[in-house]
C-alpha atoms as a PDB file:
ATOM      1  CA  MET A   1     -14.232  67.062 143.675  1.00  0.00           C
ATOM      2  CA  THR A   2     -16.925  64.448 143.009  1.00  0.00           C
ATOM      3  CA  VAL A   3     -15.994  60.890 143.958  1.00  0.00           C
ATOM      4  CA  GLY A   4     -17.346  57.635 142.624  1.00  0.00           C
ATOM      5  CA  GLU A   5     -17.529  58.272 138.869  1.00  0.00           C
ATOM      6  CA  LEU A   6     -18.361  54.932 137.244  1.00  0.00           C
ATOM      7  CA  VAL A   7     -16.056  54.204 134.282  1.00  0.00           C
ATOM      8  CA  CYS A   8     -17.276  51.258 132.212  1.00  0.00           C
ATOM      9  CA  PRO A   9     -15.989  49.130 129.314  1.00  0.00           C
ATOM     10  CA  ALA A  10     -17.243  49.265 125.745  1.00  0.00           C
ATOM     11  CA  GLY A  11     -15.714  46.745 123.384  1.00  0.00           C
ATOM     12  CA  THR A  12     -18.350  47.352 120.696  1.00  0.00           C
ATOM     13  CA  PRO A  13     -20.906  50.048 119.836  1.00  0.00           C
ATOM     14  CA  ALA A  14     -23.662  47.801 121.225  1.00  0.00           C
ATOM     15  CA  ALA A  15     -21.755  47.403 124.503  1.00  0.00           C
ATOM     16  CA  LEU A  16     -21.307  51.172 124.723  1.00  0.00           C
ATOM     17  CA  ARG A  17     -25.027  51.754 124.384  1.00  0.00           C
ATOM     18  CA  THR A  18     -25.649  49.036 126.984  1.00  0.00           C
ATOM     19  CA  ALA A  19     -23.198  50.608 129.441  1.00  0.00           C
ATOM     20  CA  VAL A  20     -24.679  54.090 129.029  1.00  0.00           C
ATOM     21  CA  ASP A  21     -28.238  52.808 129.393  1.00  0.00           C
ATOM     22  CA  ALA A  22     -27.235  50.803 132.507  1.00  0.00           C
ATOM     23  CA  GLY A  23     -25.980  53.936 134.256  1.00  0.00           C
ATOM     24  CA  ALA A  24     -22.336  54.449 133.311  1.00  0.00           C
ATOM     25  CA  ASP A  25     -21.030  57.945 133.956  1.00  0.00           C
ATOM     26  CA  THR A  26     -18.219  57.311 131.498  1.00  0.00           C
ATOM     27  CA  VAL A  27     -17.311  54.644 128.946  1.00  0.00           C
ATOM     28  CA  TYR A  28     -13.897  53.821 127.541  1.00  0.00           C
ATOM     29  CA  CYS A  29     -13.273  52.349 124.101  1.00  0.00           C
ATOM     30  CA  GLY A  30     -10.747  52.183 121.275  1.00  0.00           C
ATOM     31  CA  PHE A  31     -10.304  52.027 117.521  1.00  0.00           C
ATOM     32  CA  GLN A  32      -9.883  48.802 115.540  1.00  0.00           C
ATOM     33  CA  ASN A  33      -6.080  48.918 115.478  1.00  0.00           C
ATOM     34  CA  ALA A  34      -2.952  48.664 117.591  1.00  0.00           C
ATOM     35  CA  THR A  35      -3.495  52.023 119.317  1.00  0.00           C
ATOM     36  CA  ASN A  36      -5.443  50.346 122.133  1.00  0.00           C
ATOM     37  CA  ALA A  37      -4.560  47.432 124.403  1.00  0.00           C
ATOM     38  CA  ARG A  38      -7.544  45.276 123.410  1.00  0.00           C
ATOM     39  CA  ASN A  39      -6.825  44.953 119.691  1.00  0.00           C
ATOM     40  CA  PHE A  40      -8.801  41.797 118.886  1.00  0.00           C
ATOM     41  CA  PRO A  41     -10.876  40.740 115.855  1.00  0.00           C
ATOM     42  CA  GLY A  42     -14.533  41.644 116.334  1.00  0.00           C
ATOM     43  CA  LEU A  43     -13.819  44.276 118.980  1.00  0.00           C
ATOM     44  CA  ASN A  44     -13.531  48.048 118.972  1.00  0.00           C
ATOM     45  CA  PHE A  45     -14.800  50.863 116.783  1.00  0.00           C
ATOM     46  CA  THR A  46     -14.492  52.122 113.229  1.00  0.00           C
ATOM     47  CA  PRO A  47     -14.156  55.915 112.915  1.00  0.00           C
ATOM     48  CA  GLU A  48     -17.817  56.170 111.941  1.00  0.00           C
ATOM     49  CA  GLU A  49     -18.891  54.047 114.911  1.00  0.00           C
ATOM     50  CA  MET A  50     -16.767  56.138 117.285  1.00  0.00           C
ATOM     51  CA  ALA A  51     -18.358  59.360 116.081  1.00  0.00           C
ATOM     52  CA  GLU A  52     -21.847  57.899 116.553  1.00  0.00           C
ATOM     53  CA  ALA A  53     -20.904  56.479 119.982  1.00  0.00           C
ATOM     54  CA  VAL A  54     -19.713  59.851 121.271  1.00  0.00           C
ATOM     55  CA  GLU A  55     -22.922  61.448 120.054  1.00  0.00           C
ATOM     56  CA  TYR A  56     -25.026  58.726 121.719  1.00  0.00           C
ATOM     57  CA  ALA A  57     -23.207  59.025 125.052  1.00  0.00           C
ATOM     58  CA  HIS A  58     -23.222  62.817 125.135  1.00  0.00           C
ATOM     59  CA  ALA A  59     -26.922  62.954 124.355  1.00  0.00           C
ATOM     60  CA  ARG A  60     -27.511  60.921 127.529  1.00  0.00           C
ATOM     61  CA  GLY A  61     -25.101  62.781 129.788  1.00  0.00           C
ATOM     62  CA  ALA A  62     -22.260  60.248 129.657  1.00  0.00           C
ATOM     63  CA  LYS A  63     -18.618  60.826 128.721  1.00  0.00           C
ATOM     64  CA  VAL A  64     -16.353  58.874 126.358  1.00  0.00           C
ATOM     65  CA  LEU A  65     -12.678  58.114 126.943  1.00  0.00           C
ATOM     66  CA  LEU A  66     -10.544  57.054 123.967  1.00  0.00           C
ATOM     67  CA  ALA A  67      -7.935  54.402 124.774  1.00  0.00           C
ATOM     68  CA  LEU A  68      -4.638  55.209 123.060  1.00  0.00           C
ATOM     69  CA  ASN A  69      -2.788  53.191 125.679  1.00  0.00           C
ATOM     70  CA  THR A  70      -0.201  51.206 123.741  1.00  0.00           C
ATOM     71  CA  PHE A  71       3.410  52.006 122.820  1.00  0.00           C
ATOM     72  CA  PRO A  72       4.133  52.840 119.160  1.00  0.00           C
ATOM     73  CA  PRO A  73       6.907  50.782 117.526  1.00  0.00           C
ATOM     74  CA  ALA A  74       9.593  52.755 115.729  1.00  0.00           C
ATOM     75  CA  GLY A  75       8.403  54.183 112.433  1.00  0.00           C
ATOM     76  CA  GLN A  76       4.695  53.600 113.070  1.00  0.00           C
ATOM     77  CA  PHE A  77       3.768  56.685 115.077  1.00  0.00           C
ATOM     78  CA  GLY A  78       1.428  57.980 112.386  1.00  0.00           C
ATOM     79  CA  LEU A  79      -1.281  55.514 113.438  1.00  0.00           C
ATOM     80  CA  TRP A  80      -1.408  57.018 116.947  1.00  0.00           C
ATOM     81  CA  ARG A  81      -1.276  60.580 115.606  1.00  0.00           C
ATOM     82  CA  GLU A  82      -4.208  59.857 113.276  1.00  0.00           C
ATOM     83  CA  ALA A  83      -6.223  58.219 116.071  1.00  0.00           C
ATOM     84  CA  ALA A  84      -5.713  61.239 118.324  1.00  0.00           C
ATOM     85  CA  ALA A  85      -6.797  63.604 115.549  1.00  0.00           C
ATOM     86  CA  MET A  86     -10.001  61.625 115.034  1.00  0.00           C
ATOM     87  CA  GLY A  87     -10.681  61.578 118.766  1.00  0.00           C
ATOM     88  CA  VAL A  88     -10.425  65.371 118.890  1.00  0.00           C
ATOM     89  CA  ARG A  89     -12.646  65.709 115.837  1.00  0.00           C
ATOM     90  CA  PHE A  90     -15.311  63.448 117.349  1.00  0.00           C
ATOM     91  CA  GLY A  91     -15.221  65.259 120.688  1.00  0.00           C
ATOM     92  CA  VAL A  92     -14.055  62.524 123.075  1.00  0.00           C
ATOM     93  CA  ASP A  93     -13.881  63.770 126.644  1.00  0.00           C
ATOM     94  CA  ALA A  94     -10.384  62.453 127.377  1.00  0.00           C
ATOM     95  CA  MET A  95      -7.672  60.265 125.895  1.00  0.00           C
ATOM     96  CA  ILE A  96      -6.035  57.494 127.907  1.00  0.00           C
ATOM     97  CA  VAL A  97      -2.300  57.386 127.142  1.00  0.00           C
ATOM     98  CA  ALA A  98       0.690  55.379 128.318  1.00  0.00           C
ATOM     99  CA  ASP A  99       3.579  56.296 126.037  1.00  0.00           C
ATOM    100  CA  ILE A 100       5.378  59.587 126.712  1.00  0.00           C
ATOM    101  CA  GLY A 101       5.732  60.244 122.980  1.00  0.00           C
ATOM    102  CA  VAL A 102       1.986  59.882 122.451  1.00  0.00           C
ATOM    103  CA  ALA A 103       1.321  62.103 125.463  1.00  0.00           C
ATOM    104  CA  ALA A 104       3.742  64.771 124.222  1.00  0.00           C
ATOM    105  CA  SER A 105       2.311  64.705 120.698  1.00  0.00           C
ATOM    106  CA  ILE A 106      -1.265  65.219 121.895  1.00  0.00           C
ATOM    107  CA  ARG A 107      -0.192  67.893 124.394  1.00  0.00           C
ATOM    108  CA  ASP A 108       1.583  69.881 121.672  1.00  0.00           C
ATOM    109  CA  ALA A 109      -1.045  69.479 118.944  1.00  0.00           C
ATOM    110  CA  TYR A 110      -4.152  69.789 121.134  1.00  0.00           C
ATOM    111  CA  PRO A 111      -3.257  71.643 124.340  1.00  0.00           C
ATOM    112  CA  ASP A 112      -6.896  71.752 125.483  1.00  0.00           C
ATOM    113  CA  GLN A 113      -7.395  67.984 125.150  1.00  0.00           C
ATOM    114  CA  ARG A 114      -7.796  66.251 128.514  1.00  0.00           C
ATOM    115  CA  LEU A 115      -5.343  63.370 129.093  1.00  0.00           C
ATOM    116  CA  HIS A 116      -5.575  60.433 131.491  1.00  0.00           C
ATOM    117  CA  LEU A 117      -2.599  58.226 132.316  1.00  0.00           C
ATOM    118  CA  SER A 118      -3.243  54.553 131.577  1.00  0.00           C
ATOM    119  CA  VAL A 119      -2.472  51.764 134.009  1.00  0.00           C
ATOM    120  CA  GLN A 120      -0.167  50.592 131.205  1.00  0.00           C
ATOM    121  CA  ALA A 121       2.243  53.345 132.263  1.00  0.00           C
ATOM    122  CA  ALA A 122       2.668  51.542 135.617  1.00  0.00           C
ATOM    123  CA  ALA A 123       2.944  54.807 137.549  1.00  0.00           C
ATOM    124  CA  SER A 124       2.424  53.874 141.192  1.00  0.00           C
ATOM    125  CA  SER A 125       4.481  56.421 143.144  1.00  0.00           C
ATOM    126  CA  PRO A 126       3.799  60.121 143.780  1.00  0.00           C
ATOM    127  CA  GLU A 127       7.060  60.994 142.022  1.00  0.00           C
ATOM    128  CA  ALA A 128       6.194  59.061 138.851  1.00  0.00           C
ATOM    129  CA  ILE A 129       2.666  60.463 138.718  1.00  0.00           C
ATOM    130  CA  ALA A 130       3.901  64.022 139.344  1.00  0.00           C
ATOM    131  CA  TYR A 131       6.297  63.650 136.400  1.00  0.00           C
ATOM    132  CA  TYR A 132       3.425  62.936 134.011  1.00  0.00           C
ATOM    133  CA  VAL A 133       1.297  65.720 135.465  1.00  0.00           C
ATOM    134  CA  GLU A 134       4.048  68.333 135.230  1.00  0.00           C
ATOM    135  CA  ASN A 135       5.331  67.367 131.787  1.00  0.00           C
ATOM    136  CA  PHE A 136       2.182  66.297 129.930  1.00  0.00           C
ATOM    137  CA  GLY A 137      -0.707  67.898 131.794  1.00  0.00           C
ATOM    138  CA  ILE A 138      -2.200  64.589 132.929  1.00  0.00           C
ATOM    139  CA  LYS A 139      -5.524  65.171 134.718  1.00  0.00           C
ATOM    140  CA  ARG A 140      -6.131  61.637 136.018  1.00  0.00           C
ATOM    141  CA  VAL A 141      -4.014  58.552 136.739  1.00  0.00           C
ATOM    142  CA  VAL A 142      -5.299  54.971 136.597  1.00  0.00           C
ATOM    143  CA  LEU A 143      -3.467  53.203 139.417  1.00  0.00           C
ATOM    144  CA  PRO A 144      -2.025  49.696 139.106  1.00  0.00           C
ATOM    145  CA  ARG A 145      -3.855  46.996 141.060  1.00  0.00           C
ATOM    146  CA  ILE A 146      -1.015  46.499 143.554  1.00  0.00           C
ATOM    147  CA  LEU A 147      -1.848  49.179 146.132  1.00  0.00           C
ATOM    148  CA  THR A 148      -3.703  49.010 149.429  1.00  0.00           C
ATOM    149  CA  ILE A 149      -6.295  51.632 150.352  1.00  0.00           C
ATOM    150  CA  PRO A 150      -3.910  53.326 152.861  1.00  0.00           C
ATOM    151  CA  GLU A 151      -1.294  53.531 150.100  1.00  0.00           C
ATOM    152  CA  ILE A 152      -3.857  55.056 147.719  1.00  0.00           C
ATOM    153  CA  ARG A 153      -4.817  57.577 150.389  1.00  0.00           C
ATOM    154  CA  GLY A 154      -1.151  58.489 150.842  1.00  0.00           C
ATOM    155  CA  ILE A 155      -0.615  58.974 147.109  1.00  0.00           C
ATOM    156  CA  MET A 156      -3.696  61.183 146.847  1.00  0.00           C
ATOM    157  CA  ALA A 157      -2.279  63.508 149.479  1.00  0.00           C
ATOM    158  CA  GLU A 158       0.835  64.124 147.368  1.00  0.00           C
ATOM    159  CA  ILE A 159      -0.353  64.389 143.754  1.00  0.00           C
ATOM    160  CA  PRO A 160      -2.174  67.206 141.907  1.00  0.00           C
ATOM    161  CA  CYS A 161      -4.519  65.066 139.794  1.00  0.00           C
ATOM    162  CA  GLU A 162      -7.501  62.723 140.023  1.00  0.00           C
ATOM    163  CA  ILE A 163      -7.191  59.007 140.818  1.00  0.00           C
ATOM    164  CA  GLU A 164      -8.993  56.147 139.112  1.00  0.00           C
ATOM    165  CA  THR A 165      -8.902  52.587 140.470  1.00  0.00           C
ATOM    166  CA  PHE A 166     -10.160  49.256 139.164  1.00  0.00           C
ATOM    167  CA  ILE A 167     -13.073  47.741 141.081  1.00  0.00           C
ATOM    168  CA  PHE A 168     -14.137  44.717 139.013  1.00  0.00           C
ATOM    169  CA  GLY A 169     -12.676  42.425 136.377  1.00  0.00           C
ATOM    170  CA  ASN A 170      -9.196  41.191 135.593  1.00  0.00           C
ATOM    171  CA  HIS A 171      -7.078  40.727 138.706  1.00  0.00           C
ATOM    172  CA  GLY A 172      -3.975  42.111 136.975  1.00  0.00           C
ATOM    173  CA  LEU A 173      -1.233  41.634 139.558  1.00  0.00           C
ATOM    174  CA  MET A 174       1.579  41.438 137.029  1.00  0.00           C
ATOM    175  CA  VAL A 175       3.586  44.633 136.496  1.00  0.00           C
ATOM    176  CA  GLU A 176       1.081  46.361 134.254  1.00  0.00           C
ATOM    177  CA  GLY A 177       2.524  47.956 131.168  1.00  0.00           C
ATOM    178  CA  ARG A 178       5.615  45.771 131.326  1.00  0.00           C
ATOM    179  CA  CYS A 179       4.307  42.403 130.109  1.00  0.00           C
ATOM    180  CA  SER A 180       6.525  40.520 127.651  1.00  0.00           C
ATOM    181  CA  LEU A 181       5.212  36.962 128.081  1.00  0.00           C
ATOM    182  CA  THR A 182       2.878  37.003 125.067  1.00  0.00           C
ATOM    183  CA  ASN A 183       5.579  38.617 122.939  1.00  0.00           C
ATOM    184  CA  TYR A 184       7.976  35.858 123.978  1.00  0.00           C
ATOM    185  CA  ALA A 185       5.470  33.152 123.062  1.00  0.00           C
ATOM    186  CA  THR A 186       3.952  34.555 119.863  1.00  0.00           C
ATOM    187  CA  GLY A 187       6.000  37.502 118.624  1.00  0.00           C
ATOM    188  CA  LEU A 188       3.098  39.907 119.166  1.00  0.00           C
ATOM    189  CA  SER A 189       3.290  42.417 121.996  1.00  0.00           C
ATOM    190  CA  THR A 190       0.535  43.230 124.456  1.00  0.00           C
ATOM    191  CA  ASN A 191       1.964  46.693 124.906  1.00  0.00           C
ATOM    192  CA  MET A 192       2.806  47.584 121.291  1.00  0.00           C
ATOM    193  CA  ASP A 193       0.367  45.529 119.227  1.00  0.00           C
ATOM    194  CA  GLY A 194      -2.441  45.554 121.796  1.00  0.00           C
ATOM    195  CA  VAL A 195      -2.736  41.772 121.659  1.00  0.00           C
ATOM    196  CA  CYS A 196      -2.518  39.437 124.644  1.00  0.00           C
ATOM    197  CA  SER A 197      -2.827  35.780 123.613  1.00  0.00           C
ATOM    198  CA  PRO A 198      -3.737  36.371 119.939  1.00  0.00           C
ATOM    199  CA  ALA A 199      -6.501  34.023 118.799  1.00  0.00           C
ATOM    200  CA  ASN A 200      -4.506  32.656 115.857  1.00  0.00           C
ATOM    201  CA  ASP A 201      -1.877  31.340 118.278  1.00  0.00           C
ATOM    202  CA  VAL A 202      -4.307  29.619 120.664  1.00  0.00           C
ATOM    203  CA  GLU A 203      -4.907  25.888 120.278  1.00  0.00           C
ATOM    204  CA  TYR A 204      -7.161  23.579 122.309  1.00  0.00           C
ATOM    205  CA  LYS A 205      -6.507  19.840 121.988  1.00  0.00           C
ATOM    206  CA  ARG A 206      -8.774  17.120 123.362  1.00  0.00           C
ATOM    207  CA  GLU A 207      -6.811  14.325 125.060  1.00  0.00           C
ATOM    208  CA  THR A 208      -7.644  10.620 125.056  1.00  0.00           C
ATOM    209  CA  ASP A 209      -8.709  10.712 128.709  1.00  0.00           C
ATOM    210  CA  GLY A 210     -11.265  13.441 128.012  1.00  0.00           C
ATOM    211  CA  GLY A 211      -9.069  16.226 129.312  1.00  0.00           C
ATOM    212  CA  MET A 212      -7.968  19.251 127.309  1.00  0.00           C
ATOM    213  CA  THR A 213      -4.588  20.848 126.638  1.00  0.00           C
ATOM    214  CA  THR A 214      -4.198  24.554 125.866  1.00  0.00           C
ATOM    215  CA  ARG A 215      -1.261  25.872 123.858  1.00  0.00           C
ATOM    216  CA  LEU A 216      -0.151  29.407 123.063  1.00  0.00           C
ATOM    217  CA  GLY A 217       2.212  29.403 120.119  1.00  0.00           C
ATOM    218  CA  ALA A 218       4.745  26.647 120.731  1.00  0.00           C
ATOM    219  CA  PHE A 219       4.073  26.456 124.465  1.00  0.00           C
ATOM    220  CA  THR A 220       1.696  24.311 126.472  1.00  0.00           C
ATOM    221  CA  ILE A 221       0.220  26.690 129.037  1.00  0.00           C
ATOM    222  CA  ASP A 222      -2.351  24.492 130.815  1.00  0.00           C
ATOM    223  CA  ARG A 223      -4.027  21.123 130.939  1.00  0.00           C
ATOM    224  CA  PHE A 224      -7.585  20.711 132.188  1.00  0.00           C
ATOM    225  CA  ALA A 225      -9.041  17.503 133.591  1.00  0.00           C
ATOM    226  CA  PRO A 226     -12.404  16.259 132.207  1.00  0.00           C
ATOM    227  CA  ASP A 227     -14.275  17.839 135.137  1.00  0.00           C
ATOM    228  CA  GLU A 228     -12.539  21.243 134.825  1.00  0.00           C
ATOM    229  CA  THR A 229     -13.632  24.202 132.710  1.00  0.00           C
ATOM    230  CA  ALA A 230     -10.953  25.491 130.350  1.00  0.00           C
ATOM    231  CA  GLY A 231      -9.766  28.932 131.396  1.00  0.00           C
ATOM    232  CA  TYR A 232      -8.868  31.995 129.362  1.00  0.00           C
ATOM    233  CA  PRO A 233      -5.685  31.124 127.401  1.00  0.00           C
ATOM    234  CA  THR A 234      -3.176  33.646 128.728  1.00  0.00           C
ATOM    235  CA  ILE A 235       0.350  32.551 129.462  1.00  0.00           C
ATOM    236  CA  CYS A 236       0.396  34.416 132.808  1.00  0.00           C
ATOM    237  CA  LYS A 237      -2.591  32.385 134.070  1.00  0.00           C
ATOM    238  CA  GLY A 238      -1.347  28.983 132.965  1.00  0.00           C
ATOM    239  CA  ARG A 239      -0.247  26.107 135.172  1.00  0.00           C
ATOM    240  CA  TYR A 240       3.305  24.819 134.897  1.00  0.00           C
ATOM    241  CA  ARG A 241       5.470  22.037 136.214  1.00  0.00           C
ATOM    242  CA  ALA A 242       8.575  22.716 138.254  1.00  0.00           C
ATOM    243  CA  PRO A 243      11.142  20.485 139.998  1.00  0.00           C
ATOM    244  CA  CYS A 244       9.878  21.699 143.372  1.00  0.00           C
ATOM    245  CA  ARG A 245       6.248  20.795 142.628  1.00  0.00           C
ATOM    246  CA  GLU A 246       4.582  17.413 142.242  1.00  0.00           C
ATOM    247  CA  THR A 247       1.781  18.819 140.096  1.00  0.00           C
ATOM    248  CA  GLY A 248       1.286  21.805 137.841  1.00  0.00           C
ATOM    249  CA  TYR A 249       0.746  25.126 139.610  1.00  0.00           C
ATOM    250  CA  TYR A 250      -0.044  28.761 138.812  1.00  0.00           C
ATOM    251  CA  ALA A 251       3.472  30.175 138.591  1.00  0.00           C
ATOM    252  CA  PHE A 252       2.482  33.772 137.795  1.00  0.00           C
ATOM    253  CA  GLU A 253      -1.161  34.545 138.498  1.00  0.00           C
ATOM    254  CA  GLU A 254      -4.269  32.537 139.349  1.00  0.00           C
ATOM    255  CA  PRO A 255      -7.444  32.875 137.228  1.00  0.00           C
ATOM    256  CA  VAL A 256      -9.488  34.961 139.628  1.00  0.00           C
ATOM    257  CA  SER A 257     -11.366  38.257 139.218  1.00  0.00           C
ATOM    258  CA  LEU A 258     -11.083  41.444 141.222  1.00  0.00           C
ATOM    259  CA  ASN A 259     -14.271  42.482 143.028  1.00  0.00           C
ATOM    260  CA  LEU A 260     -14.087  45.489 145.341  1.00  0.00           C
ATOM    261  CA  ALA A 261     -17.817  45.898 145.906  1.00  0.00           C
ATOM    262  CA  ARG A 262     -17.399  45.541 149.682  1.00  0.00           C
ATOM    263  CA  LEU A 263     -14.583  48.097 149.728  1.00  0.00           C
ATOM    264  CA  LEU A 264     -16.548  50.782 147.877  1.00  0.00           C
ATOM    265  CA  PRO A 265     -17.396  52.780 151.033  1.00  0.00           C
ATOM    266  CA  GLU A 266     -13.719  52.878 152.041  1.00  0.00           C
ATOM    267  CA  LEU A 267     -12.570  53.853 148.553  1.00  0.00           C
ATOM    268  CA  MET A 268     -15.148  56.623 148.331  1.00  0.00           C
ATOM    269  CA  ALA A 269     -14.239  57.855 151.802  1.00  0.00           C
ATOM    270  CA  ALA A 270     -10.600  57.938 150.670  1.00  0.00           C
ATOM    271  CA  GLY A 271     -11.633  60.314 147.882  1.00  0.00           C
ATOM    272  CA  VAL A 272     -11.041  58.076 144.848  1.00  0.00           C
ATOM    273  CA  HIS A 273     -12.529  60.026 141.960  1.00  0.00           C
ATOM    274  CA  ALA A 274     -13.368  57.212 139.538  1.00  0.00           C
ATOM    275  CA  PHE A 275     -14.011  53.470 139.645  1.00  0.00           C
ATOM    276  CA  LYS A 276     -13.118  51.387 136.615  1.00  0.00           C
ATOM    277  CA  ILE A 277     -14.825  48.165 135.519  1.00  0.00           C
ATOM    278  CA  GLU A 278     -12.623  45.993 133.294  1.00  0.00           C
ATOM    279  CA  GLY A 279     -14.073  43.936 130.450  1.00  0.00           C
ATOM    280  CA  ARG A 280     -13.996  45.242 126.897  1.00  0.00           C
ATOM    281  CA  GLN A 281     -13.896  41.632 125.704  1.00  0.00           C
ATOM    282  CA  ARG A 282     -16.998  40.672 127.649  1.00  0.00           C
ATOM    283  CA  SER A 283     -20.610  40.416 126.513  1.00  0.00           C
ATOM    284  CA  ARG A 284     -23.382  43.002 126.699  1.00  0.00           C
ATOM    285  CA  ALA A 285     -25.046  40.854 129.373  1.00  0.00           C
ATOM    286  CA  TYR A 286     -21.890  41.141 131.499  1.00  0.00           C
ATOM    287  CA  VAL A 287     -21.731  44.902 130.945  1.00  0.00           C
ATOM    288  CA  ARG A 288     -25.408  45.387 131.780  1.00  0.00           C
ATOM    289  CA  GLN A 289     -25.329  43.361 134.989  1.00  0.00           C
ATOM    290  CA  VAL A 290     -22.043  44.622 136.397  1.00  0.00           C
ATOM    291  CA  VAL A 291     -22.650  48.281 135.525  1.00  0.00           C
ATOM    292  CA  SER A 292     -26.202  48.353 136.852  1.00  0.00           C
ATOM    293  CA  ASN A 293     -25.184  46.728 140.132  1.00  0.00           C
ATOM    294  CA  PHE A 294     -22.262  49.059 140.753  1.00  0.00           C
ATOM    295  CA  ARG A 295     -24.445  52.030 139.737  1.00  0.00           C
ATOM    296  CA  ALA A 296     -26.927  51.101 142.461  1.00  0.00           C
ATOM    297  CA  ALA A 297     -24.151  50.556 145.035  1.00  0.00           C
ATOM    298  CA  VAL A 298     -22.408  53.887 144.362  1.00  0.00           C
ATOM    299  CA  ASP A 299     -25.715  55.780 144.461  1.00  0.00           C
ATOM    300  CA  ALA A 300     -26.657  54.154 147.761  1.00  0.00           C
ATOM    301  CA  ILE A 301     -23.354  55.128 149.391  1.00  0.00           C
ATOM    302  CA  ARG A 302     -23.668  58.711 148.158  1.00  0.00           C
ATOM    303  CA  GLU A 303     -27.138  58.902 149.691  1.00  0.00           C
ATOM    304  CA  GLY A 304     -25.971  57.479 153.019  1.00  0.00           C
ATOM    305  CA  ARG A 305     -27.716  54.133 152.550  1.00  0.00           C
ATOM    306  CA  GLU A 306     -26.292  50.649 152.958  1.00  0.00           C
ATOM    307  CA  PRO A 307     -25.482  49.333 149.463  1.00  0.00           C
ATOM    308  CA  GLN A 308     -27.150  46.111 148.375  1.00  0.00           C
ATOM    309  CA  LEU A 309     -24.243  44.166 146.952  1.00  0.00           C
ATOM    310  CA  ALA A 310     -25.256  41.687 144.280  1.00  0.00           C
ATOM    311  CA  ASN A 311     -23.520  38.330 143.967  1.00  0.00           C
ATOM    312  CA  LEU A 312     -21.435  38.726 140.818  1.00  0.00           C
ATOM    313  CA  VAL A 313     -19.274  35.626 141.232  1.00  0.00           C
ATOM    314  CA  ALA A 314     -20.933  33.972 138.226  1.00  0.00           C
ATOM    315  CA  LEU A 315     -19.394  36.715 136.073  1.00  0.00           C
ATOM    316  CA  THR A 316     -15.882  36.300 137.438  1.00  0.00           C
ATOM    317  CA  GLU A 317     -13.030  34.357 135.895  1.00  0.00           C
ATOM    318  CA  GLY A 318     -13.080  30.790 137.171  1.00  0.00           C
ATOM    319  CA  GLN A 319     -16.049  31.749 139.375  1.00  0.00           C
ATOM    320  CA  LYS A 320     -13.570  33.069 141.930  1.00  0.00           C
ATOM    321  CA  GLU A 321     -13.187  36.616 143.234  1.00  0.00           C
ATOM    322  CA  SER A 322     -10.652  38.507 145.302  1.00  0.00           C
ATOM    323  CA  GLN A 323      -9.986  41.924 146.823  1.00  0.00           C
ATOM    324  CA  GLY A 324      -6.402  41.535 145.645  1.00  0.00           C
ATOM    325  CA  ALA A 325      -3.829  43.874 147.127  1.00  0.00           C
ATOM    326  CA  PHE A 326      -6.361  46.604 147.916  1.00  0.00           C
ATOM    327  CA  GLN A 327      -6.882  45.350 151.463  1.00  0.00           C
ATOM    328  CA  THR A 328      -3.732  43.422 152.293  1.00  0.00           C
ATOM    329  CA  LYS A 329      -0.741  42.201 150.349  1.00  0.00           C
ATOM    330  CA  LYS A 330       0.050  38.507 150.520  1.00  0.00           C
ATOM    331  CA  TRP A 331       2.611  37.780 147.853  1.00  0.00           C
ATOM    332  CA  ARG A 332       3.591  34.192 147.126  1.00  0.00           C
END
């Protein structure tokens, strides 16, 4: 089995072309609706754009993965069924699913369609992964970002499918696939509507001292001093006051990006099949720089050379990076 497949984000048709041209082995993308977990205005693909994107990628030797990684609300399953039918018609190489109903529907209607298990399914044990493989024919699992490399190696020894891990982008240490904070604050669900911190519910207010307050729905989620840069307005990365703290603190998760560039040799030696770059909401410049640098690093390791690791901190959230739980776990 080949290791080190580079799986890259494509939030728009232009970003897909950029990722392919920068050296992506595979790109992942979604339709402009709630079937994918990045359902934001200005992002994603129309059916016509998806068909053209698959053709563009295939002509250049790259694969396309269709994200159908949200959970259908009751009575709305037709949207996911229609999206899967279009994906089959356009010839996507695999579909990324999280919901067991979606997985079962695709398995029954299109038994030859390759399925990958989304990180949204939060399957992190051999038993959970084996369940999806045995019941839905899952060929690859995207692991949550809470596992060390020895734990990944142990899982690989027990499961009959490929493993994909994140290597750059959102830190994501919450229980992936189980987030309800945005739903609590705005009424829209990350996991069912594909919307985390919907733009219509975000408000920035300039204070008299030059600082800035960020609100999500009815909740104040952060306050930035005049010399601080306002962060991405997600409720999980806000700062909050508590009786045990004199100042506001990051109660859930700090704004920091995952960067596993220095762990690539270990991950490849462990046999990880695919490396995933997060960032469907990011610019083409981000996609080009991150993809091209990881392309060069993976190729160097395969050829037995020392990888030249570029400094990507300028592209990280808050200009801070971390290896997260992949090396050691230090929970607060």
